[in-house]
Amino acid sequence: HVQANKNVGNDKATLISVITQCLPYMGFPRTLNALAYV
């Protein structure tokens, strides 16, 4: 779904912003995993 977001036109900065917004609610381990794929 990182690739899917790229395919539909969402840029890297937007993905980083969304994952950052998730951080307080899902914690650092899952945040860092997602950022690694970005």
PDB file of all heavy atoms in Angstrom:
ATOM      1  N   HIS A   1       0.818  -1.227   0.000  1.00  0.00           N
ATOM      2  CA  HIS A   1       0.000   0.000   0.000  1.00  0.00           C
ATOM      3  C   HIS A   1       0.844   1.266   0.000  1.00  0.00           C
ATOM      4  O   HIS A   1       0.342   2.332  -0.363  1.00  0.00           O
ATOM      5  CB  HIS A   1      -1.000  -0.037   1.151  1.00  0.00           C
ATOM      6  CG  HIS A   1      -2.172  -0.919   0.852  1.00  0.00           C
ATOM      7  ND1 HIS A   1      -3.189  -0.534  -0.003  1.00  0.00           N
ATOM      8  CD2 HIS A   1      -2.464  -2.188   1.247  1.00  0.00           C
ATOM      9  CE1 HIS A   1      -4.065  -1.511  -0.104  1.00  0.00           C
ATOM     10  NE2 HIS A   1      -3.652  -2.529   0.640  1.00  0.00           N
ATOM     11  N   VAL A   2       2.109   1.179   0.369  1.00  0.00           N
ATOM     12  CA  VAL A   2       3.022   2.302   0.105  1.00  0.00           C
ATOM     13  C   VAL A   2       3.162   2.457  -1.415  1.00  0.00           C
ATOM     14  O   VAL A   2       3.065   3.566  -1.962  1.00  0.00           O
ATOM     15  CB  VAL A   2       4.396   2.088   0.759  1.00  0.00           C
ATOM     16  CG1 VAL A   2       5.396   3.133   0.259  1.00  0.00           C
ATOM     17  CG2 VAL A   2       4.287   2.172   2.278  1.00  0.00           C
ATOM     18  N   GLN A   3       3.373   1.336  -2.100  1.00  0.00           N
ATOM     19  CA  GLN A   3       3.470   1.373  -3.561  1.00  0.00           C
ATOM     20  C   GLN A   3       2.156   1.854  -4.179  1.00  0.00           C
ATOM     21  O   GLN A   3       2.161   2.644  -5.133  1.00  0.00           O
ATOM     22  CB  GLN A   3       3.823  -0.011  -4.102  1.00  0.00           C
ATOM     23  CG  GLN A   3       4.007  -0.067  -5.617  1.00  0.00           C
ATOM     24  CD  GLN A   3       5.194   0.756  -6.079  1.00  0.00           C
ATOM     25  OE1 GLN A   3       6.326   0.529  -5.654  1.00  0.00           O
ATOM     26  NE2 GLN A   3       4.955   1.729  -6.947  1.00  0.00           N
ATOM     27  N   ALA A   4       1.038   1.384  -3.635  1.00  0.00           N
ATOM     28  CA  ALA A   4      -0.269   1.799  -4.148  1.00  0.00           C
ATOM     29  C   ALA A   4      -0.466   3.305  -4.003  1.00  0.00           C
ATOM     30  O   ALA A   4      -0.986   3.967  -4.907  1.00  0.00           O
ATOM     31  CB  ALA A   4      -1.376   1.054  -3.412  1.00  0.00           C
ATOM     32  N   ASN A   5      -0.043   3.854  -2.881  1.00  0.00           N
ATOM     33  CA  ASN A   5      -0.147   5.297  -2.685  1.00  0.00           C
ATOM     34  C   ASN A   5       0.682   6.044  -3.715  1.00  0.00           C
ATOM     35  O   ASN A   5       0.251   7.067  -4.260  1.00  0.00           O
ATOM     36  CB  ASN A   5       0.287   5.674  -1.270  1.00  0.00           C
ATOM     37  CG  ASN A   5      -0.856   5.651  -0.287  1.00  0.00           C
ATOM     38  OD1 ASN A   5      -1.618   6.602  -0.172  1.00  0.00           O
ATOM     39  ND2 ASN A   5      -0.994   4.540   0.434  1.00  0.00           N
ATOM     40  N   LYS A   6       1.870   5.551  -3.980  1.00  0.00           N
ATOM     41  CA  LYS A   6       2.707   6.168  -5.010  1.00  0.00           C
ATOM     42  C   LYS A   6       2.017   6.103  -6.368  1.00  0.00           C
ATOM     43  O   LYS A   6       2.012   7.081  -7.131  1.00  0.00           O
ATOM     44  CB  LYS A   6       4.067   5.467  -5.063  1.00  0.00           C
ATOM     45  CG  LYS A   6       5.042   6.110  -6.043  1.00  0.00           C
ATOM     46  CD  LYS A   6       6.401   5.406  -5.999  1.00  0.00           C
ATOM     47  CE  LYS A   6       7.394   6.077  -6.925  1.00  0.00           C
ATOM     48  NZ  LYS A   6       8.723   5.399  -6.897  1.00  0.00           N
ATOM     49  N   ASN A   7       1.388   4.958  -6.649  1.00  0.00           N
ATOM     50  CA  ASN A   7       0.727   4.766  -7.937  1.00  0.00           C
ATOM     51  C   ASN A   7      -0.442   5.727  -8.149  1.00  0.00           C
ATOM     52  O   ASN A   7      -0.707   6.153  -9.280  1.00  0.00           O
ATOM     53  CB  ASN A   7       0.223   3.332  -8.070  1.00  0.00           C
ATOM     54  CG  ASN A   7       1.350   2.313  -8.143  1.00  0.00           C
ATOM     55  OD1 ASN A   7       2.519   2.670  -8.320  1.00  0.00           O
ATOM     56  ND2 ASN A   7       1.008   1.039  -7.986  1.00  0.00           N
ATOM     57  N   VAL A   8      -1.172   6.050  -7.081  1.00  0.00           N
ATOM     58  CA  VAL A   8      -2.346   6.923  -7.233  1.00  0.00           C
ATOM     59  C   VAL A   8      -1.994   8.402  -7.087  1.00  0.00           C
ATOM     60  O   VAL A   8      -2.877   9.262  -7.159  1.00  0.00           O
ATOM     61  CB  VAL A   8      -3.473   6.543  -6.253  1.00  0.00           C
ATOM     62  CG1 VAL A   8      -3.915   5.104  -6.470  1.00  0.00           C
ATOM     63  CG2 VAL A   8      -3.061   6.790  -4.803  1.00  0.00           C
ATOM     64  N   GLY A   9      -0.715   8.712  -6.833  1.00  0.00           N
ATOM     65  CA  GLY A   9      -0.291  10.102  -6.839  1.00  0.00           C
ATOM     66  C   GLY A   9      -0.031  10.741  -5.497  1.00  0.00           C
ATOM     67  O   GLY A   9       0.179  11.961  -5.421  1.00  0.00           O
ATOM     68  N   ASN A  10      -0.026   9.965  -4.420  1.00  0.00           N
ATOM     69  CA  ASN A  10       0.351  10.507  -3.121  1.00  0.00           C
ATOM     70  C   ASN A  10       1.868  10.528  -2.999  1.00  0.00           C
ATOM     71  O   ASN A  10       2.521   9.510  -3.218  1.00  0.00           O
ATOM     72  CB  ASN A  10      -0.262   9.677  -1.989  1.00  0.00           C
ATOM     73  CG  ASN A  10      -1.756   9.871  -1.891  1.00  0.00           C
ATOM     74  OD1 ASN A  10      -2.274  10.975  -2.062  1.00  0.00           O
ATOM     75  ND2 ASN A  10      -2.488   8.787  -1.612  1.00  0.00           N
ATOM     76  N   ASP A  11       2.442  11.679  -2.674  1.00  0.00           N
ATOM     77  CA  ASP A  11       3.898  11.785  -2.650  1.00  0.00           C
ATOM     78  C   ASP A  11       4.485  11.347  -1.303  1.00  0.00           C
ATOM     79  O   ASP A  11       3.757  11.076  -0.346  1.00  0.00           O
ATOM     80  CB  ASP A  11       4.353  13.199  -3.004  1.00  0.00           C
ATOM     81  CG  ASP A  11       3.851  14.271  -2.031  1.00  0.00           C
ATOM     82  OD1 ASP A  11       3.478  13.936  -0.890  1.00  0.00           O
ATOM     83  OD2 ASP A  11       3.836  15.451  -2.419  1.00  0.00           O
ATOM     84  N   LYS A  12       5.807  11.297  -1.257  1.00  0.00           N
ATOM     85  CA  LYS A  12       6.499  10.802  -0.068  1.00  0.00           C
ATOM     86  C   LYS A  12       6.207  11.661   1.152  1.00  0.00           C
ATOM     87  O   LYS A  12       5.986  11.142   2.255  1.00  0.00           O
ATOM     88  CB  LYS A  12       8.001  10.744  -0.328  1.00  0.00           C
ATOM     89  CG  LYS A  12       8.799  10.154   0.832  1.00  0.00           C
ATOM     90  CD  LYS A  12      10.275  10.009   0.476  1.00  0.00           C
ATOM     91  CE  LYS A  12      11.036   9.328   1.609  1.00  0.00           C
ATOM     92  NZ  LYS A  12      12.474   9.118   1.272  1.00  0.00           N
ATOM     93  N   ALA A  13       6.191  12.981   0.963  1.00  0.00           N
ATOM     94  CA  ALA A  13       5.945  13.879   2.093  1.00  0.00           C
ATOM     95  C   ALA A  13       4.575  13.624   2.713  1.00  0.00           C
ATOM     96  O   ALA A  13       4.417  13.649   3.939  1.00  0.00           O
ATOM     97  CB  ALA A  13       6.059  15.333   1.636  1.00  0.00           C
ATOM     98  N   THR A  14       3.584  13.352   1.867  1.00  0.00           N
ATOM     99  CA  THR A  14       2.240  13.073   2.379  1.00  0.00           C
ATOM    100  C   THR A  14       2.209  11.776   3.174  1.00  0.00           C
ATOM    101  O   THR A  14       1.597  11.701   4.242  1.00  0.00           O
ATOM    102  CB  THR A  14       1.230  13.006   1.222  1.00  0.00           C
ATOM    103  OG1 THR A  14       1.237  14.249   0.508  1.00  0.00           O
ATOM    104  CG2 THR A  14      -0.179  12.738   1.736  1.00  0.00           C
ATOM    105  N   LEU A  15       2.883  10.737   2.664  1.00  0.00           N
ATOM    106  CA  LEU A  15       2.927   9.465   3.380  1.00  0.00           C
ATOM    107  C   LEU A  15       3.631   9.613   4.728  1.00  0.00           C
ATOM    108  O   LEU A  15       3.179   9.054   5.738  1.00  0.00           O
ATOM    109  CB  LEU A  15       3.598   8.394   2.533  1.00  0.00           C
ATOM    110  CG  LEU A  15       2.653   7.548   1.677  1.00  0.00           C
ATOM    111  CD1 LEU A  15       1.950   8.395   0.628  1.00  0.00           C
ATOM    112  CD2 LEU A  15       3.402   6.413   0.995  1.00  0.00           C
ATOM    113  N   ILE A  16       4.722  10.357   4.753  1.00  0.00           N
ATOM    114  CA  ILE A  16       5.427  10.577   6.019  1.00  0.00           C
ATOM    115  C   ILE A  16       4.519  11.319   6.999  1.00  0.00           C
ATOM    116  O   ILE A  16       4.483  10.995   8.194  1.00  0.00           O
ATOM    117  CB  ILE A  16       6.734  11.351   5.778  1.00  0.00           C
ATOM    118  CG1 ILE A  16       7.729  10.469   5.005  1.00  0.00           C
ATOM    119  CG2 ILE A  16       7.352  11.805   7.097  1.00  0.00           C
ATOM    120  CD1 ILE A  16       8.976  11.208   4.552  1.00  0.00           C
ATOM    121  N   SER A  17       3.769  12.290   6.504  1.00  0.00           N
ATOM    122  CA  SER A  17       2.859  13.036   7.371  1.00  0.00           C
ATOM    123  C   SER A  17       1.768  12.141   7.949  1.00  0.00           C
ATOM    124  O   SER A  17       1.435  12.234   9.137  1.00  0.00           O
ATOM    125  CB  SER A  17       2.220  14.193   6.589  1.00  0.00           C
ATOM    126  OG  SER A  17       3.185  15.133   6.182  1.00  0.00           O
ATOM    127  N   VAL A  18       1.211  11.270   7.121  1.00  0.00           N
ATOM    128  CA  VAL A  18       0.148  10.370   7.590  1.00  0.00           C
ATOM    129  C   VAL A  18       0.691   9.385   8.623  1.00  0.00           C
ATOM    130  O   VAL A  18       0.066   9.150   9.666  1.00  0.00           O
ATOM    131  CB  VAL A  18      -0.484   9.626   6.394  1.00  0.00           C
ATOM    132  CG1 VAL A  18      -1.309   8.435   6.868  1.00  0.00           C
ATOM    133  CG2 VAL A  18      -1.366  10.579   5.598  1.00  0.00           C
ATOM    134  N   ILE A  19       1.840   8.815   8.350  1.00  0.00           N
ATOM    135  CA  ILE A  19       2.427   7.856   9.292  1.00  0.00           C
ATOM    136  C   ILE A  19       2.803   8.557  10.596  1.00  0.00           C
ATOM    137  O   ILE A  19       2.641   7.998  11.691  1.00  0.00           O
ATOM    138  CB  ILE A  19       3.632   7.149   8.647  1.00  0.00           C
ATOM    139  CG1 ILE A  19       3.147   6.259   7.501  1.00  0.00           C
ATOM    140  CG2 ILE A  19       4.385   6.308   9.683  1.00  0.00           C
ATOM    141  CD1 ILE A  19       4.256   5.759   6.601  1.00  0.00           C
ATOM    142  N   THR A  20       3.298   9.791  10.494  1.00  0.00           N
ATOM    143  CA  THR A  20       3.592  10.562  11.697  1.00  0.00           C
ATOM    144  C   THR A  20       2.332  10.794  12.521  1.00  0.00           C
ATOM    145  O   THR A  20       2.362  10.708  13.756  1.00  0.00           O
ATOM    146  CB  THR A  20       4.226  11.920  11.319  1.00  0.00           C
ATOM    147  OG1 THR A  20       5.434  11.693  10.587  1.00  0.00           O
ATOM    148  CG2 THR A  20       4.548  12.737  12.566  1.00  0.00           C
ATOM    149  N   GLN A  21       1.224  11.072  11.846  1.00  0.00           N
ATOM    150  CA  GLN A  21      -0.048  11.273  12.563  1.00  0.00           C
ATOM    151  C   GLN A  21      -0.478  10.011  13.299  1.00  0.00           C
ATOM    152  O   GLN A  21      -1.119  10.080  14.360  1.00  0.00           O
ATOM    153  CB  GLN A  21      -1.133  11.706  11.563  1.00  0.00           C
ATOM    154  CG  GLN A  21      -2.487  12.017  12.188  1.00  0.00           C
ATOM    155  CD  GLN A  21      -2.467  13.219  13.102  1.00  0.00           C
ATOM    156  OE1 GLN A  21      -1.625  14.103  12.955  1.00  0.00           O
ATOM    157  NE2 GLN A  21      -3.387  13.263  14.060  1.00  0.00           N
ATOM    158  N   CYS A  22      -0.120   8.854  12.763  1.00  0.00           N
ATOM    159  CA  CYS A  22      -0.460   7.578  13.410  1.00  0.00           C
ATOM    160  C   CYS A  22       0.377   7.311  14.662  1.00  0.00           C
ATOM    161  O   CYS A  22      -0.041   6.542  15.538  1.00  0.00           O
ATOM    162  CB  CYS A  22      -0.242   6.417  12.440  1.00  0.00           C
ATOM    163  SG  CYS A  22      -1.279   6.410  10.966  1.00  0.00           S
ATOM    164  N   LEU A  23       1.556   7.916  14.723  1.00  0.00           N
ATOM    165  CA  LEU A  23       2.543   7.589  15.750  1.00  0.00           C
ATOM    166  C   LEU A  23       2.011   7.587  17.183  1.00  0.00           C
ATOM    167  O   LEU A  23       2.224   6.614  17.917  1.00  0.00           O
ATOM    168  CB  LEU A  23       3.743   8.534  15.630  1.00  0.00           C
ATOM    169  CG  LEU A  23       4.775   8.526  16.767  1.00  0.00           C
ATOM    170  CD1 LEU A  23       5.369   7.139  16.979  1.00  0.00           C
ATOM    171  CD2 LEU A  23       5.874   9.543  16.489  1.00  0.00           C
ATOM    172  N   PRO A  24       1.319   8.621  17.661  1.00  0.00           N
ATOM    173  CA  PRO A  24       0.891   8.607  19.062  1.00  0.00           C
ATOM    174  C   PRO A  24      -0.092   7.489  19.392  1.00  0.00           C
ATOM    175  O   PRO A  24      -0.263   7.125  20.561  1.00  0.00           O
ATOM    176  CB  PRO A  24       0.203   9.973  19.239  1.00  0.00           C
ATOM    177  CG  PRO A  24       0.695  10.810  18.126  1.00  0.00           C
ATOM    178  CD  PRO A  24       0.936   9.876  16.983  1.00  0.00           C
ATOM    179  N   TYR A  25      -0.715   6.929  18.362  1.00  0.00           N
ATOM    180  CA  TYR A  25      -1.772   5.937  18.570  1.00  0.00           C
ATOM    181  C   TYR A  25      -1.326   4.507  18.265  1.00  0.00           C
ATOM    182  O   TYR A  25      -2.003   3.561  18.654  1.00  0.00           O
ATOM    183  CB  TYR A  25      -2.985   6.309  17.707  1.00  0.00           C
ATOM    184  CG  TYR A  25      -3.347   7.766  17.852  1.00  0.00           C
ATOM    185  CD1 TYR A  25      -2.982   8.698  16.883  1.00  0.00           C
ATOM    186  CD2 TYR A  25      -3.994   8.231  18.994  1.00  0.00           C
ATOM    187  CE1 TYR A  25      -3.286  10.044  17.041  1.00  0.00           C
ATOM    188  CE2 TYR A  25      -4.296   9.581  19.154  1.00  0.00           C
ATOM    189  CZ  TYR A  25      -3.931  10.480  18.173  1.00  0.00           C
ATOM    190  OH  TYR A  25      -4.212  11.809  18.335  1.00  0.00           O
ATOM    191  N   MET A  26      -0.190   4.350  17.580  1.00  0.00           N
ATOM    192  CA  MET A  26       0.284   2.987  17.299  1.00  0.00           C
ATOM    193  C   MET A  26       1.716   2.752  17.769  1.00  0.00           C
ATOM    194  O   MET A  26       2.200   1.626  17.715  1.00  0.00           O
ATOM    195  CB  MET A  26       0.157   2.666  15.809  1.00  0.00           C
ATOM    196  CG  MET A  26       1.104   3.399  14.882  1.00  0.00           C
ATOM    197  SD  MET A  26       0.841   2.861  13.161  1.00  0.00           S
ATOM    198  CE  MET A  26       2.132   3.780  12.311  1.00  0.00           C
ATOM    199  N   GLY A  27       2.414   3.789  18.220  1.00  0.00           N
ATOM    200  CA  GLY A  27       3.746   3.617  18.791  1.00  0.00           C
ATOM    201  C   GLY A  27       4.862   3.671  17.761  1.00  0.00           C
ATOM    202  O   GLY A  27       4.633   3.635  16.548  1.00  0.00           O
ATOM    203  N   PHE A  28       6.095   3.743  18.275  1.00  0.00           N
ATOM    204  CA  PHE A  28       7.265   3.875  17.410  1.00  0.00           C
ATOM    205  C   PHE A  28       7.582   2.626  16.586  1.00  0.00           C
ATOM    206  O   PHE A  28       7.962   2.756  15.420  1.00  0.00           O
ATOM    207  CB  PHE A  28       8.487   4.282  18.242  1.00  0.00           C
ATOM    208  CG  PHE A  28       8.567   5.751  18.486  1.00  0.00           C
ATOM    209  CD1 PHE A  28       8.096   6.300  19.670  1.00  0.00           C
ATOM    210  CD2 PHE A  28       9.102   6.605  17.532  1.00  0.00           C
ATOM    211  CE1 PHE A  28       8.164   7.668  19.896  1.00  0.00           C
ATOM    212  CE2 PHE A  28       9.179   7.971  17.747  1.00  0.00           C
ATOM    213  CZ  PHE A  28       8.706   8.505  18.938  1.00  0.00           C
ATOM    214  N   PRO A  29       7.504   1.399  17.126  1.00  0.00           N
ATOM    215  CA  PRO A  29       7.894   0.244  16.301  1.00  0.00           C
ATOM    216  C   PRO A  29       7.129   0.153  14.979  1.00  0.00           C
ATOM    217  O   PRO A  29       7.745  -0.026  13.913  1.00  0.00           O
ATOM    218  CB  PRO A  29       7.605  -0.959  17.221  1.00  0.00           C
ATOM    219  CG  PRO A  29       7.785  -0.400  18.601  1.00  0.00           C
ATOM    220  CD  PRO A  29       7.229   0.989  18.529  1.00  0.00           C
ATOM    221  N   ARG A  30       5.805   0.283  15.024  1.00  0.00           N
ATOM    222  CA  ARG A  30       5.028   0.188  13.796  1.00  0.00           C
ATOM    223  C   ARG A  30       5.230   1.417  12.909  1.00  0.00           C
ATOM    224  O   ARG A  30       5.193   1.310  11.671  1.00  0.00           O
ATOM    225  CB  ARG A  30       3.547  -0.004  14.140  1.00  0.00           C
ATOM    226  CG  ARG A  30       3.298  -1.360  14.778  1.00  0.00           C
ATOM    227  CD  ARG A  30       1.883  -1.547  15.271  1.00  0.00           C
ATOM    228  NE  ARG A  30       1.770  -2.838  15.953  1.00  0.00           N
ATOM    229  CZ  ARG A  30       0.670  -3.283  16.543  1.00  0.00           C
ATOM    230  NH1 ARG A  30      -0.427  -2.555  16.543  1.00  0.00           N
ATOM    231  NH2 ARG A  30       0.665  -4.457  17.137  1.00  0.00           N
ATOM    232  N   THR A  31       5.470   2.554  13.523  1.00  0.00           N
ATOM    233  CA  THR A  31       5.755   3.764  12.748  1.00  0.00           C
ATOM    234  C   THR A  31       7.056   3.602  11.973  1.00  0.00           C
ATOM    235  O   THR A  31       7.129   3.898  10.771  1.00  0.00           O
ATOM    236  CB  THR A  31       5.854   4.979  13.683  1.00  0.00           C
ATOM    237  OG1 THR A  31       4.601   5.152  14.362  1.00  0.00           O
ATOM    238  CG2 THR A  31       6.190   6.237  12.910  1.00  0.00           C
ATOM    239  N   LEU A  32       8.103   3.131  12.640  1.00  0.00           N
ATOM    240  CA  LEU A  32       9.401   2.966  11.990  1.00  0.00           C
ATOM    241  C   LEU A  32       9.347   1.897  10.905  1.00  0.00           C
ATOM    242  O   LEU A  32      10.011   2.024   9.860  1.00  0.00           O
ATOM    243  CB  LEU A  32      10.462   2.630  13.029  1.00  0.00           C
ATOM    244  CG  LEU A  32      10.758   3.759  14.036  1.00  0.00           C
ATOM    245  CD1 LEU A  32      11.694   3.261  15.133  1.00  0.00           C
ATOM    246  CD2 LEU A  32      11.343   4.975  13.335  1.00  0.00           C
ATOM    247  N   ASN A  33       8.573   0.837  11.127  1.00  0.00           N
ATOM    248  CA  ASN A  33       8.409  -0.191  10.091  1.00  0.00           C
ATOM    249  C   ASN A  33       7.798   0.405   8.832  1.00  0.00           C
ATOM    250  O   ASN A  33       8.258   0.151   7.709  1.00  0.00           O
ATOM    251  CB  ASN A  33       7.521  -1.334  10.603  1.00  0.00           C
ATOM    252  CG  ASN A  33       8.234  -2.229  11.595  1.00  0.00           C
ATOM    253  OD1 ASN A  33       9.458  -2.174  11.734  1.00  0.00           O
ATOM    254  ND2 ASN A  33       7.471  -3.043  12.304  1.00  0.00           N
ATOM    255  N   ALA A  34       6.743   1.188   9.016  1.00  0.00           N
ATOM    256  CA  ALA A  34       6.068   1.792   7.861  1.00  0.00           C
ATOM    257  C   ALA A  34       6.996   2.762   7.141  1.00  0.00           C
ATOM    258  O   ALA A  34       7.054   2.786   5.898  1.00  0.00           O
ATOM    259  CB  ALA A  34       4.792   2.497   8.315  1.00  0.00           C
ATOM    260  N   LEU A  35       7.728   3.572   7.886  1.00  0.00           N
ATOM    261  CA  LEU A  35       8.647   4.530   7.276  1.00  0.00           C
ATOM    262  C   LEU A  35       9.758   3.825   6.495  1.00  0.00           C
ATOM    263  O   LEU A  35      10.230   4.344   5.471  1.00  0.00           O
ATOM    264  CB  LEU A  35       9.250   5.433   8.345  1.00  0.00           C
ATOM    265  CG  LEU A  35       8.305   6.473   8.948  1.00  0.00           C
ATOM    266  CD1 LEU A  35       8.989   7.204  10.089  1.00  0.00           C
ATOM    267  CD2 LEU A  35       7.815   7.459   7.887  1.00  0.00           C
ATOM    268  N   ALA A  36      10.174   2.656   6.969  1.00  0.00           N
ATOM    269  CA  ALA A  36      11.210   1.904   6.253  1.00  0.00           C
ATOM    270  C   ALA A  36      10.740   1.548   4.848  1.00  0.00           C
ATOM    271  O   ALA A  36      11.513   1.634   3.880  1.00  0.00           O
ATOM    272  CB  ALA A  36      11.577   0.645   7.032  1.00  0.00           C
ATOM    273  N   TYR A  37       9.471   1.167   4.697  1.00  0.00           N
ATOM    274  CA  TYR A  37       8.944   0.837   3.373  1.00  0.00           C
ATOM    275  C   TYR A  37       8.763   2.087   2.521  1.00  0.00           C
ATOM    276  O   TYR A  37       8.947   2.047   1.299  1.00  0.00           O
ATOM    277  CB  TYR A  37       7.631   0.062   3.493  1.00  0.00           C
ATOM    278  CG  TYR A  37       7.836  -1.343   3.998  1.00  0.00           C
ATOM    279  CD1 TYR A  37       7.287  -1.768   5.207  1.00  0.00           C
ATOM    280  CD2 TYR A  37       8.600  -2.255   3.269  1.00  0.00           C
ATOM    281  CE1 TYR A  37       7.491  -3.051   5.671  1.00  0.00           C
ATOM    282  CE2 TYR A  37       8.808  -3.547   3.724  1.00  0.00           C
ATOM    283  CZ  TYR A  37       8.243  -3.942   4.920  1.00  0.00           C
ATOM    284  OH  TYR A  37       8.461  -5.225   5.392  1.00  0.00           O
ATOM    285  N   VAL A  38       8.393   3.194   3.153  1.00  0.00           N
ATOM    286  CA  VAL A  38       8.314   4.457   2.405  1.00  0.00           C
ATOM    287  C   VAL A  38       9.677   4.811   1.835  1.00  0.00           C
ATOM    288  O   VAL A  38       9.807   5.174   0.660  1.00  0.00           O
ATOM    289  CB  VAL A  38       7.791   5.597   3.317  1.00  0.00           C
ATOM    290  CG1 VAL A  38       7.898   6.943   2.611  1.00  0.00           C
ATOM    291  CG2 VAL A  38       6.337   5.330   3.715  1.00  0.00           C
TER     292      VAL A  38
END
